Amino acid sequence: MLLIGDFDPPPSPVSAESDEFPGSVRLAQNYPNPFNPATSITYELASLGPVRLEVFDATGRSVAVFADGVEPSGRHSVRFDASGLPSGLYVYRLQAGGAALTRKMTLIR
């Protein structure tokens, strides 16, 4: 005899995705954006490995490097203080786990 609930998978006691151990590399949008003079950049790593997080100005010149080495899995956050930089568009790039992710942010004075 077939019951309606027979095709529903059993409930899982463990979530496949956790805040502590993300399943992939992620780069969040900075907050706040636009910003003056500081903003936070958050990223998540699926596993231990080499990481590089860098900020570039509109001409492609590197203006800050926050991570350049091996980091553990999990959520990471850095504070970008642009007090000495002019207003404009900036790009930040995360290289980790074979991925290269990029986001834009705007500094307004």
PDB file of N, CA and C in Angstrom:
ATOM      1  N   MET A   1       0.833  -1.174   0.000  1.00  0.00           N
ATOM      2  CA  MET A   1       0.000   0.000   0.000  1.00  0.00           C
ATOM      3  C   MET A   1       0.883   1.245   0.000  1.00  0.00           C
ATOM      4  N   LEU A   2       0.594   2.197  -0.853  1.00  0.00           N
ATOM      5  CA  LEU A   2       1.366   3.409  -1.024  1.00  0.00           C
ATOM      6  C   LEU A   2       0.718   4.542  -0.240  1.00  0.00           C
ATOM      7  N   LEU A   3       1.511   5.168   0.628  1.00  0.00           N
ATOM      8  CA  LEU A   3       1.024   6.301   1.397  1.00  0.00           C
ATOM      9  C   LEU A   3       1.569   7.589   0.791  1.00  0.00           C
ATOM     10  N   ILE A   4       0.874   8.663   1.003  1.00  0.00           N
ATOM     11  CA  ILE A   4       1.265   9.940   0.409  1.00  0.00           C
ATOM     12  C   ILE A   4       2.661  10.365   0.854  1.00  0.00           C
ATOM     13  N   GLY A   5       3.035  10.149   2.060  1.00  0.00           N
ATOM     14  CA  GLY A   5       4.328  10.585   2.577  1.00  0.00           C
ATOM     15  C   GLY A   5       5.490   9.695   2.201  1.00  0.00           C
ATOM     16  N   ASP A   6       5.270   8.595   1.460  1.00  0.00           N
ATOM     17  CA  ASP A   6       6.343   7.655   1.141  1.00  0.00           C
ATOM     18  C   ASP A   6       7.448   8.255   0.285  1.00  0.00           C
ATOM     19  N   PHE A   7       7.169   9.302  -0.461  1.00  0.00           N
ATOM     20  CA  PHE A   7       8.173   9.845  -1.362  1.00  0.00           C
ATOM     21  C   PHE A   7       8.940  11.023  -0.759  1.00  0.00           C
ATOM     22  N   ASP A   8       8.554  11.454   0.406  1.00  0.00           N
ATOM     23  CA  ASP A   8       9.263  12.545   1.062  1.00  0.00           C
ATOM     24  C   ASP A   8      10.544  12.009   1.667  1.00  0.00           C
ATOM     25  N   PRO A   9      11.681  12.703   1.464  1.00  0.00           N
ATOM     26  CA  PRO A   9      12.924  12.235   2.075  1.00  0.00           C
ATOM     27  C   PRO A   9      12.847  12.398   3.594  1.00  0.00           C
ATOM     28  N   PRO A  10      13.553  11.535   4.316  1.00  0.00           N
ATOM     29  CA  PRO A  10      13.544  11.675   5.769  1.00  0.00           C
ATOM     30  C   PRO A  10      14.219  12.975   6.177  1.00  0.00           C
ATOM     31  N   PRO A  11      13.820  13.568   7.283  1.00  0.00           N
ATOM     32  CA  PRO A  11      14.453  14.810   7.719  1.00  0.00           C
ATOM     33  C   PRO A  11      15.914  14.573   8.056  1.00  0.00           C
ATOM     34  N   SER A  12      16.747  15.522   7.687  1.00  0.00           N
ATOM     35  CA  SER A  12      18.179  15.410   7.939  1.00  0.00           C
ATOM     36  C   SER A  12      18.530  16.118   9.243  1.00  0.00           C
ATOM     37  N   PRO A  13      19.261  15.452  10.133  1.00  0.00           N
ATOM     38  CA  PRO A  13      19.632  16.094  11.387  1.00  0.00           C
ATOM     39  C   PRO A  13      20.738  17.130  11.224  1.00  0.00           C
ATOM     40  N   VAL A  14      21.464  17.090  10.096  1.00  0.00           N
ATOM     41  CA  VAL A  14      22.580  18.001   9.870  1.00  0.00           C
ATOM     42  C   VAL A  14      22.334  18.763   8.587  1.00  0.00           C
ATOM     43  N   SER A  15      22.470  20.056   8.642  1.00  0.00           N
ATOM     44  CA  SER A  15      22.303  20.888   7.461  1.00  0.00           C
ATOM     45  C   SER A  15      23.508  20.723   6.554  1.00  0.00           C
ATOM     46  N   ALA A  16      23.267  20.703   5.262  1.00  0.00           N
ATOM     47  CA  ALA A  16      24.359  20.570   4.301  1.00  0.00           C
ATOM     48  C   ALA A  16      25.209  21.833   4.255  1.00  0.00           C
ATOM     49  N   GLU A  17      24.628  22.966   4.628  1.00  0.00           N
ATOM     50  CA  GLU A  17      25.362  24.222   4.601  1.00  0.00           C
ATOM     51  C   GLU A  17      25.319  24.846   5.984  1.00  0.00           C
ATOM     52  N   SER A  18      26.441  25.279   6.464  1.00  0.00           N
ATOM     53  CA  SER A  18      26.545  25.861   7.788  1.00  0.00           C
ATOM     54  C   SER A  18      27.239  27.205   7.687  1.00  0.00           C
ATOM     55  N   ASP A  19      26.962  28.117   8.606  1.00  0.00           N
ATOM     56  CA  ASP A  19      27.650  29.400   8.624  1.00  0.00           C
ATOM     57  C   ASP A  19      29.128  29.239   8.910  1.00  0.00           C
ATOM     58  N   GLU A  20      29.492  28.204   9.658  1.00  0.00           N
ATOM     59  CA  GLU A  20      30.888  28.015  10.014  1.00  0.00           C
ATOM     60  C   GLU A  20      31.691  27.365   8.897  1.00  0.00           C
ATOM     61  N   PHE A  21      31.069  26.514   8.102  1.00  0.00           N
ATOM     62  CA  PHE A  21      31.762  25.788   7.058  1.00  0.00           C
ATOM     63  C   PHE A  21      31.003  25.902   5.740  1.00  0.00           C
ATOM     64  N   PRO A  22      31.224  26.995   5.003  1.00  0.00           N
ATOM     65  CA  PRO A  22      30.507  27.173   3.746  1.00  0.00           C
ATOM     66  C   PRO A  22      30.896  26.106   2.733  1.00  0.00           C
ATOM     67  N   GLY A  23      29.994  25.822   1.789  1.00  0.00           N
ATOM     68  CA  GLY A  23      30.249  24.800   0.783  1.00  0.00           C
ATOM     69  C   GLY A  23      31.037  25.305  -0.413  1.00  0.00           C
ATOM     70  N   SER A  24      31.228  26.625  -0.509  1.00  0.00           N
ATOM     71  CA  SER A  24      31.975  27.190  -1.628  1.00  0.00           C
ATOM     72  C   SER A  24      32.594  28.515  -1.209  1.00  0.00           C
ATOM     73  N   VAL A  25      33.408  29.060  -2.092  1.00  0.00           N
ATOM     74  CA  VAL A  25      34.010  30.369  -1.841  1.00  0.00           C
ATOM     75  C   VAL A  25      32.965  31.428  -2.185  1.00  0.00           C
ATOM     76  N   ARG A  26      32.764  32.381  -1.287  1.00  0.00           N
ATOM     77  CA  ARG A  26      31.791  33.460  -1.505  1.00  0.00           C
ATOM     78  C   ARG A  26      32.413  34.793  -1.145  1.00  0.00           C
ATOM     79  N   LEU A  27      32.031  35.808  -1.891  1.00  0.00           N
ATOM     80  CA  LEU A  27      32.469  37.177  -1.625  1.00  0.00           C
ATOM     81  C   LEU A  27      31.223  38.046  -1.544  1.00  0.00           C
ATOM     82  N   ALA A  28      30.976  38.608  -0.390  1.00  0.00           N
ATOM     83  CA  ALA A  28      29.775  39.433  -0.183  1.00  0.00           C
ATOM     84  C   ALA A  28      30.022  40.856  -0.666  1.00  0.00           C
ATOM     85  N   GLN A  29      28.933  41.563  -0.922  1.00  0.00           N
ATOM     86  CA  GLN A  29      29.027  42.986  -1.244  1.00  0.00           C
ATOM     87  C   GLN A  29      29.458  43.718   0.022  1.00  0.00           C
ATOM     88  N   ASN A  30      30.358  44.670  -0.126  1.00  0.00           N
ATOM     89  CA  ASN A  30      30.800  45.429   1.045  1.00  0.00           C
ATOM     90  C   ASN A  30      29.629  46.170   1.672  1.00  0.00           C
ATOM     91  N   TYR A  31      29.767  46.477   2.962  1.00  0.00           N
ATOM     92  CA  TYR A  31      28.703  47.202   3.663  1.00  0.00           C
ATOM     93  C   TYR A  31      29.319  48.227   4.592  1.00  0.00           C
ATOM     94  N   PRO A  32      28.900  49.449   4.586  1.00  0.00           N
ATOM     95  CA  PRO A  32      27.927  50.034   3.664  1.00  0.00           C
ATOM     96  C   PRO A  32      28.558  50.320   2.305  1.00  0.00           C
ATOM     97  N   ASN A  33      27.715  50.508   1.319  1.00  0.00           N
ATOM     98  CA  ASN A  33      28.152  50.864  -0.022  1.00  0.00           C
ATOM     99  C   ASN A  33      27.072  51.739  -0.641  1.00  0.00           C
ATOM    100  N   PRO A  34      27.350  52.972  -1.022  1.00  0.00           N
ATOM    101  CA  PRO A  34      28.615  53.694  -0.922  1.00  0.00           C
ATOM    102  C   PRO A  34      29.051  53.906   0.535  1.00  0.00           C
ATOM    103  N   PHE A  35      30.333  54.229   0.694  1.00  0.00           N
ATOM    104  CA  PHE A  35      30.879  54.367   2.037  1.00  0.00           C
ATOM    105  C   PHE A  35      31.755  55.609   2.160  1.00  0.00           C
ATOM    106  N   ASN A  36      31.987  56.027   3.421  1.00  0.00           N
ATOM    107  CA  ASN A  36      32.875  57.137   3.736  1.00  0.00           C
ATOM    108  C   ASN A  36      33.182  57.098   5.218  1.00  0.00           C
ATOM    109  N   PRO A  37      34.348  56.933   5.687  1.00  0.00           N
ATOM    110  CA  PRO A  37      35.562  56.581   4.959  1.00  0.00           C
ATOM    111  C   PRO A  37      35.876  55.076   5.020  1.00  0.00           C
ATOM    112  N   ALA A  38      35.045  54.295   5.760  1.00  0.00           N
ATOM    113  CA  ALA A  38      35.384  52.877   5.939  1.00  0.00           C
ATOM    114  C   ALA A  38      34.200  51.973   5.597  1.00  0.00           C
ATOM    115  N   THR A  39      34.515  50.728   5.255  1.00  0.00           N
ATOM    116  CA  THR A  39      33.514  49.729   4.922  1.00  0.00           C
ATOM    117  C   THR A  39      34.030  48.347   5.321  1.00  0.00           C
ATOM    118  N   SER A  40      33.132  47.388   5.414  1.00  0.00           N
ATOM    119  CA  SER A  40      33.508  46.009   5.749  1.00  0.00           C
ATOM    120  C   SER A  40      33.344  45.114   4.534  1.00  0.00           C
ATOM    121  N   ILE A  41      34.302  44.223   4.351  1.00  0.00           N
ATOM    122  CA  ILE A  41      34.260  43.235   3.275  1.00  0.00           C
ATOM    123  C   ILE A  41      34.258  41.859   3.934  1.00  0.00           C
ATOM    124  N   THR A  42      33.255  41.047   3.597  1.00  0.00           N
ATOM    125  CA  THR A  42      33.124  39.716   4.183  1.00  0.00           C
ATOM    126  C   THR A  42      33.255  38.662   3.087  1.00  0.00           C
ATOM    127  N   TYR A  43      33.963  37.584   3.415  1.00  0.00           N
ATOM    128  CA  TYR A  43      34.095  36.480   2.472  1.00  0.00           C
ATOM    129  C   TYR A  43      34.080  35.162   3.228  1.00  0.00           C
ATOM    130  N   GLU A  44      33.720  34.103   2.509  1.00  0.00           N
ATOM    131  CA  GLU A  44      33.634  32.770   3.101  1.00  0.00           C
ATOM    132  C   GLU A  44      34.488  31.809   2.303  1.00  0.00           C
ATOM    133  N   LEU A  45      35.169  30.922   3.018  1.00  0.00           N
ATOM    134  CA  LEU A  45      36.037  29.928   2.400  1.00  0.00           C
ATOM    135  C   LEU A  45      35.544  28.532   2.742  1.00  0.00           C
ATOM    136  N   ALA A  46      35.526  27.661   1.748  1.00  0.00           N
ATOM    137  CA  ALA A  46      35.049  26.291   1.942  1.00  0.00           C
ATOM    138  C   ALA A  46      36.092  25.408   2.605  1.00  0.00           C
ATOM    139  N   SER A  47      37.364  25.740   2.414  1.00  0.00           N
ATOM    140  CA  SER A  47      38.412  24.899   2.979  1.00  0.00           C
ATOM    141  C   SER A  47      39.681  25.713   3.216  1.00  0.00           C
ATOM    142  N   LEU A  48      40.584  25.145   3.983  1.00  0.00           N
ATOM    143  CA  LEU A  48      41.888  25.742   4.236  1.00  0.00           C
ATOM    144  C   LEU A  48      42.623  25.876   2.913  1.00  0.00           C
ATOM    145  N   GLY A  49      43.244  27.019   2.688  1.00  0.00           N
ATOM    146  CA  GLY A  49      43.996  27.176   1.450  1.00  0.00           C
ATOM    147  C   GLY A  49      44.491  28.590   1.253  1.00  0.00           C
ATOM    148  N   PRO A  50      45.238  28.786   0.164  1.00  0.00           N
ATOM    149  CA  PRO A  50      45.770  30.114  -0.129  1.00  0.00           C
ATOM    150  C   PRO A  50      44.661  31.091  -0.512  1.00  0.00           C
ATOM    151  N   VAL A  51      44.794  32.320  -0.010  1.00  0.00           N
ATOM    152  CA  VAL A  51      43.784  33.365  -0.222  1.00  0.00           C
ATOM    153  C   VAL A  51      44.495  34.677  -0.510  1.00  0.00           C
ATOM    154  N   ARG A  52      43.912  35.441  -1.434  1.00  0.00           N
ATOM    155  CA  ARG A  52      44.381  36.811  -1.660  1.00  0.00           C
ATOM    156  C   ARG A  52      43.157  37.697  -1.824  1.00  0.00           C
ATOM    157  N   LEU A  53      43.078  38.739  -1.001  1.00  0.00           N
ATOM    158  CA  LEU A  53      42.005  39.734  -1.085  1.00  0.00           C
ATOM    159  C   LEU A  53      42.667  41.080  -1.307  1.00  0.00           C
ATOM    160  N   GLU A  54      42.325  41.715  -2.424  1.00  0.00           N
ATOM    161  CA  GLU A  54      43.003  42.944  -2.827  1.00  0.00           C
ATOM    162  C   GLU A  54      41.998  43.976  -3.320  1.00  0.00           C
ATOM    163  N   VAL A  55      42.299  45.253  -3.101  1.00  0.00           N
ATOM    164  CA  VAL A  55      41.452  46.361  -3.549  1.00  0.00           C
ATOM    165  C   VAL A  55      42.223  47.148  -4.610  1.00  0.00           C
ATOM    166  N   PHE A  56      41.506  47.513  -5.691  1.00  0.00           N
ATOM    167  CA  PHE A  56      42.102  48.263  -6.799  1.00  0.00           C
ATOM    168  C   PHE A  56      41.317  49.548  -7.030  1.00  0.00           C
ATOM    169  N   ASP A  57      42.022  50.600  -7.483  1.00  0.00           N
ATOM    170  CA  ASP A  57      41.319  51.829  -7.858  1.00  0.00           C
ATOM    171  C   ASP A  57      40.835  51.704  -9.299  1.00  0.00           C
ATOM    172  N   ALA A  58      40.222  52.757  -9.825  1.00  0.00           N
ATOM    173  CA  ALA A  58      39.623  52.715 -11.163  1.00  0.00           C
ATOM    174  C   ALA A  58      40.658  52.549 -12.274  1.00  0.00           C
ATOM    175  N   THR A  59      41.914  52.849 -11.993  1.00  0.00           N
ATOM    176  CA  THR A  59      42.962  52.689 -13.006  1.00  0.00           C
ATOM    177  C   THR A  59      43.589  51.295 -12.962  1.00  0.00           C
ATOM    178  N   GLY A  60      43.182  50.479 -11.988  1.00  0.00           N
ATOM    179  CA  GLY A  60      43.733  49.127 -11.864  1.00  0.00           C
ATOM    180  C   GLY A  60      44.913  49.019 -10.921  1.00  0.00           C
ATOM    181  N   ARG A  61      45.246  50.116 -10.267  1.00  0.00           N
ATOM    182  CA  ARG A  61      46.367  50.132  -9.322  1.00  0.00           C
ATOM    183  C   ARG A  61      45.925  49.528  -7.994  1.00  0.00           C
ATOM    184  N   SER A  62      46.722  48.637  -7.445  1.00  0.00           N
ATOM    185  CA  SER A  62      46.422  48.033  -6.143  1.00  0.00           C
ATOM    186  C   SER A  62      46.582  49.078  -5.051  1.00  0.00           C
ATOM    187  N   VAL A  63      45.533  49.232  -4.203  1.00  0.00           N
ATOM    188  CA  VAL A  63      45.593  50.214  -3.127  1.00  0.00           C
ATOM    189  C   VAL A  63      45.599  49.555  -1.744  1.00  0.00           C
ATOM    190  N   ALA A  64      45.263  48.271  -1.670  1.00  0.00           N
ATOM    191  CA  ALA A  64      45.282  47.563  -0.384  1.00  0.00           C
ATOM    192  C   ALA A  64      45.273  46.052  -0.616  1.00  0.00           C
ATOM    193  N   VAL A  65      46.009  45.342   0.240  1.00  0.00           N
ATOM    194  CA  VAL A  65      45.997  43.881   0.246  1.00  0.00           C
ATOM    195  C   VAL A  65      45.653  43.458   1.671  1.00  0.00           C
ATOM    196  N   PHE A  66      44.568  42.697   1.831  1.00  0.00           N
ATOM    197  CA  PHE A  66      44.123  42.287   3.164  1.00  0.00           C
ATOM    198  C   PHE A  66      44.510  40.863   3.503  1.00  0.00           C
ATOM    199  N   ALA A  67      44.565  40.011   2.525  1.00  0.00           N
ATOM    200  CA  ALA A  67      44.907  38.614   2.771  1.00  0.00           C
ATOM    201  C   ALA A  67      45.853  38.182   1.666  1.00  0.00           C
ATOM    202  N   ASP A  68      46.936  37.547   2.070  1.00  0.00           N
ATOM    203  CA  ASP A  68      47.885  37.025   1.088  1.00  0.00           C
ATOM    204  C   ASP A  68      48.621  35.866   1.732  1.00  0.00           C
ATOM    205  N   GLY A  69      47.905  34.751   1.900  1.00  0.00           N
ATOM    206  CA  GLY A  69      48.488  33.589   2.547  1.00  0.00           C
ATOM    207  C   GLY A  69      47.421  32.537   2.775  1.00  0.00           C
ATOM    208  N   VAL A  70      47.751  31.581   3.593  1.00  0.00           N
ATOM    209  CA  VAL A  70      46.830  30.482   3.880  1.00  0.00           C
ATOM    210  C   VAL A  70      45.871  30.896   4.998  1.00  0.00           C
ATOM    211  N   GLU A  71      44.575  30.635   4.785  1.00  0.00           N
ATOM    212  CA  GLU A  71      43.552  30.940   5.791  1.00  0.00           C
ATOM    213  C   GLU A  71      42.644  29.733   5.978  1.00  0.00           C
ATOM    214  N   PRO A  72      42.075  29.581   7.171  1.00  0.00           N
ATOM    215  CA  PRO A  72      41.168  28.447   7.431  1.00  0.00           C
ATOM    216  C   PRO A  72      39.794  28.655   6.803  1.00  0.00           C
ATOM    217  N   SER A  73      39.028  27.588   6.721  1.00  0.00           N
ATOM    218  CA  SER A  73      37.668  27.690   6.203  1.00  0.00           C
ATOM    219  C   SER A  73      36.815  28.506   7.165  1.00  0.00           C
ATOM    220  N   GLY A  74      35.690  28.998   6.661  1.00  0.00           N
ATOM    221  CA  GLY A  74      34.772  29.770   7.499  1.00  0.00           C
ATOM    222  C   GLY A  74      34.591  31.175   6.981  1.00  0.00           C
ATOM    223  N   ARG A  75      33.924  31.983   7.798  1.00  0.00           N
ATOM    224  CA  ARG A  75      33.607  33.365   7.441  1.00  0.00           C
ATOM    225  C   ARG A  75      34.703  34.294   7.951  1.00  0.00           C
ATOM    226  N   HIS A  76      35.111  35.226   7.094  1.00  0.00           N
ATOM    227  CA  HIS A  76      36.154  36.197   7.429  1.00  0.00           C
ATOM    228  C   HIS A  76      35.643  37.587   7.073  1.00  0.00           C
ATOM    229  N   SER A  77      36.083  38.590   7.815  1.00  0.00           N
ATOM    230  CA  SER A  77      35.674  39.958   7.551  1.00  0.00           C
ATOM    231  C   SER A  77      36.860  40.889   7.777  1.00  0.00           C
ATOM    232  N   VAL A  78      36.999  41.868   6.879  1.00  0.00           N
ATOM    233  CA  VAL A  78      38.062  42.870   7.022  1.00  0.00           C
ATOM    234  C   VAL A  78      37.434  44.249   6.927  1.00  0.00           C
ATOM    235  N   ARG A  79      38.103  45.224   7.492  1.00  0.00           N
ATOM    236  CA  ARG A  79      37.638  46.612   7.442  1.00  0.00           C
ATOM    237  C   ARG A  79      38.566  47.377   6.519  1.00  0.00           C
ATOM    238  N   PHE A  80      37.998  47.995   5.489  1.00  0.00           N
ATOM    239  CA  PHE A  80      38.755  48.795   4.534  1.00  0.00           C
ATOM    240  C   PHE A  80      38.572  50.258   4.895  1.00  0.00           C
ATOM    241  N   ASP A  81      39.663  50.893   5.340  1.00  0.00           N
ATOM    242  CA  ASP A  81      39.643  52.314   5.691  1.00  0.00           C
ATOM    243  C   ASP A  81      40.274  53.087   4.534  1.00  0.00           C
ATOM    244  N   ALA A  82      39.475  53.873   3.843  1.00  0.00           N
ATOM    245  CA  ALA A  82      39.931  54.598   2.661  1.00  0.00           C
ATOM    246  C   ALA A  82      40.147  56.074   2.956  1.00  0.00           C
ATOM    247  N   SER A  83      40.531  56.391   4.185  1.00  0.00           N
ATOM    248  CA  SER A  83      40.709  57.792   4.592  1.00  0.00           C
ATOM    249  C   SER A  83      41.655  58.562   3.691  1.00  0.00           C
ATOM    250  N   GLY A  84      42.696  57.935   3.216  1.00  0.00           N
ATOM    251  CA  GLY A  84      43.686  58.639   2.395  1.00  0.00           C
ATOM    252  C   GLY A  84      43.452  58.529   0.899  1.00  0.00           C
ATOM    253  N   LEU A  85      42.309  58.008   0.493  1.00  0.00           N
ATOM    254  CA  LEU A  85      42.044  57.799  -0.931  1.00  0.00           C
ATOM    255  C   LEU A  85      40.975  58.769  -1.444  1.00  0.00           C
ATOM    256  N   PRO A  86      41.032  59.097  -2.735  1.00  0.00           N
ATOM    257  CA  PRO A  86      40.022  60.000  -3.305  1.00  0.00           C
ATOM    258  C   PRO A  86      38.694  59.279  -3.557  1.00  0.00           C
ATOM    259  N   SER A  87      37.627  60.060  -3.689  1.00  0.00           N
ATOM    260  CA  SER A  87      36.317  59.508  -4.042  1.00  0.00           C
ATOM    261  C   SER A  87      36.412  58.772  -5.367  1.00  0.00           C
ATOM    262  N   GLY A  88      35.545  57.774  -5.526  1.00  0.00           N
ATOM    263  CA  GLY A  88      35.513  57.085  -6.806  1.00  0.00           C
ATOM    264  C   GLY A  88      35.130  55.626  -6.665  1.00  0.00           C
ATOM    265  N   LEU A  89      35.224  54.937  -7.792  1.00  0.00           N
ATOM    266  CA  LEU A  89      34.896  53.522  -7.867  1.00  0.00           C
ATOM    267  C   LEU A  89      36.138  52.692  -7.546  1.00  0.00           C
ATOM    268  N   TYR A  90      35.950  51.680  -6.711  1.00  0.00           N
ATOM    269  CA  TYR A  90      37.017  50.747  -6.364  1.00  0.00           C
ATOM    270  C   TYR A  90      36.506  49.327  -6.598  1.00  0.00           C
ATOM    271  N   VAL A  91      37.419  48.431  -6.877  1.00  0.00           N
ATOM    272  CA  VAL A  91      37.090  47.031  -7.120  1.00  0.00           C
ATOM    273  C   VAL A  91      37.869  46.196  -6.122  1.00  0.00           C
ATOM    274  N   TYR A  92      37.205  45.204  -5.526  1.00  0.00           N
ATOM    275  CA  TYR A  92      37.938  44.276  -4.672  1.00  0.00           C
ATOM    276  C   TYR A  92      37.800  42.874  -5.217  1.00  0.00           C
ATOM    277  N   ARG A  93      38.906  42.110  -5.145  1.00  0.00           N
ATOM    278  CA  ARG A  93      38.963  40.780  -5.749  1.00  0.00           C
ATOM    279  C   ARG A  93      39.468  39.764  -4.734  1.00  0.00           C
ATOM    280  N   LEU A  94      38.746  38.661  -4.654  1.00  0.00           N
ATOM    281  CA  LEU A  94      39.119  37.539  -3.796  1.00  0.00           C
ATOM    282  C   LEU A  94      39.549  36.386  -4.683  1.00  0.00           C
ATOM    283  N   GLN A  95      40.753  35.882  -4.443  1.00  0.00           N
ATOM    284  CA  GLN A  95      41.242  34.690  -5.133  1.00  0.00           C
ATOM    285  C   GLN A  95      41.422  33.608  -4.083  1.00  0.00           C
ATOM    286  N   ALA A  96      40.656  32.508  -4.233  1.00  0.00           N
ATOM    287  CA  ALA A  96      40.725  31.409  -3.267  1.00  0.00           C
ATOM    288  C   ALA A  96      40.042  30.180  -3.847  1.00  0.00           C
ATOM    289  N   GLY A  97      40.533  29.015  -3.501  1.00  0.00           N
ATOM    290  CA  GLY A  97      39.887  27.774  -3.900  1.00  0.00           C
ATOM    291  C   GLY A  97      39.694  27.636  -5.393  1.00  0.00           C
ATOM    292  N   GLY A  98      40.599  28.164  -6.196  1.00  0.00           N
ATOM    293  CA  GLY A  98      40.485  28.085  -7.640  1.00  0.00           C
ATOM    294  C   GLY A  98      39.501  29.079  -8.235  1.00  0.00           C
ATOM    295  N   ALA A  99      38.938  29.950  -7.416  1.00  0.00           N
ATOM    296  CA  ALA A  99      37.970  30.948  -7.884  1.00  0.00           C
ATOM    297  C   ALA A  99      38.565  32.342  -7.769  1.00  0.00           C
ATOM    298  N   ALA A 100      38.097  33.240  -8.622  1.00  0.00           N
ATOM    299  CA  ALA A 100      38.440  34.659  -8.547  1.00  0.00           C
ATOM    300  C   ALA A 100      37.122  35.428  -8.621  1.00  0.00           C
ATOM    301  N   LEU A 101      36.748  36.056  -7.513  1.00  0.00           N
ATOM    302  CA  LEU A 101      35.480  36.773  -7.418  1.00  0.00           C
ATOM    303  C   LEU A 101      35.751  38.267  -7.257  1.00  0.00           C
ATOM    304  N   THR A 102      34.944  39.085  -7.923  1.00  0.00           N
ATOM    305  CA  THR A 102      35.160  40.530  -7.924  1.00  0.00           C
ATOM    306  C   THR A 102      33.855  41.258  -7.629  1.00  0.00           C
ATOM    307  N   ARG A 103      33.962  42.353  -6.869  1.00  0.00           N
ATOM    308  CA  ARG A 103      32.817  43.225  -6.577  1.00  0.00           C
ATOM    309  C   ARG A 103      33.288  44.677  -6.672  1.00  0.00           C
ATOM    310  N   LYS A 104      32.307  45.587  -6.885  1.00  0.00           N
ATOM    311  CA  LYS A 104      32.600  47.017  -6.961  1.00  0.00           C
ATOM    312  C   LYS A 104      32.093  47.705  -5.703  1.00  0.00           C
ATOM    313  N   MET A 105      32.752  48.811  -5.362  1.00  0.00           N
ATOM    314  CA  MET A 105      32.302  49.649  -4.247  1.00  0.00           C
ATOM    315  C   MET A 105      32.609  51.092  -4.576  1.00  0.00           C
ATOM    316  N   THR A 106      31.870  52.000  -3.935  1.00  0.00           N
ATOM    317  CA  THR A 106      32.012  53.416  -4.226  1.00  0.00           C
ATOM    318  C   THR A 106      32.345  54.197  -2.961  1.00  0.00           C
ATOM    319  N   LEU A 107      33.434  54.944  -3.024  1.00  0.00           N
ATOM    320  CA  LEU A 107      33.844  55.832  -1.929  1.00  0.00           C
ATOM    321  C   LEU A 107      33.339  57.236  -2.267  1.00  0.00           C
ATOM    322  N   ILE A 108      32.551  57.812  -1.358  1.00  0.00           N
ATOM    323  CA  ILE A 108      32.001  59.156  -1.546  1.00  0.00           C
ATOM    324  C   ILE A 108      32.499  60.044  -0.419  1.00  0.00           C
ATOM    325  N   ARG A 109      33.053  61.158  -0.764  1.00  0.00           N
ATOM    326  CA  ARG A 109      33.534  62.128   0.231  1.00  0.00           C
ATOM    327  C   ARG A 109      32.496  63.186   0.469  1.00  0.00           C
TER     328      ARG A 109
END
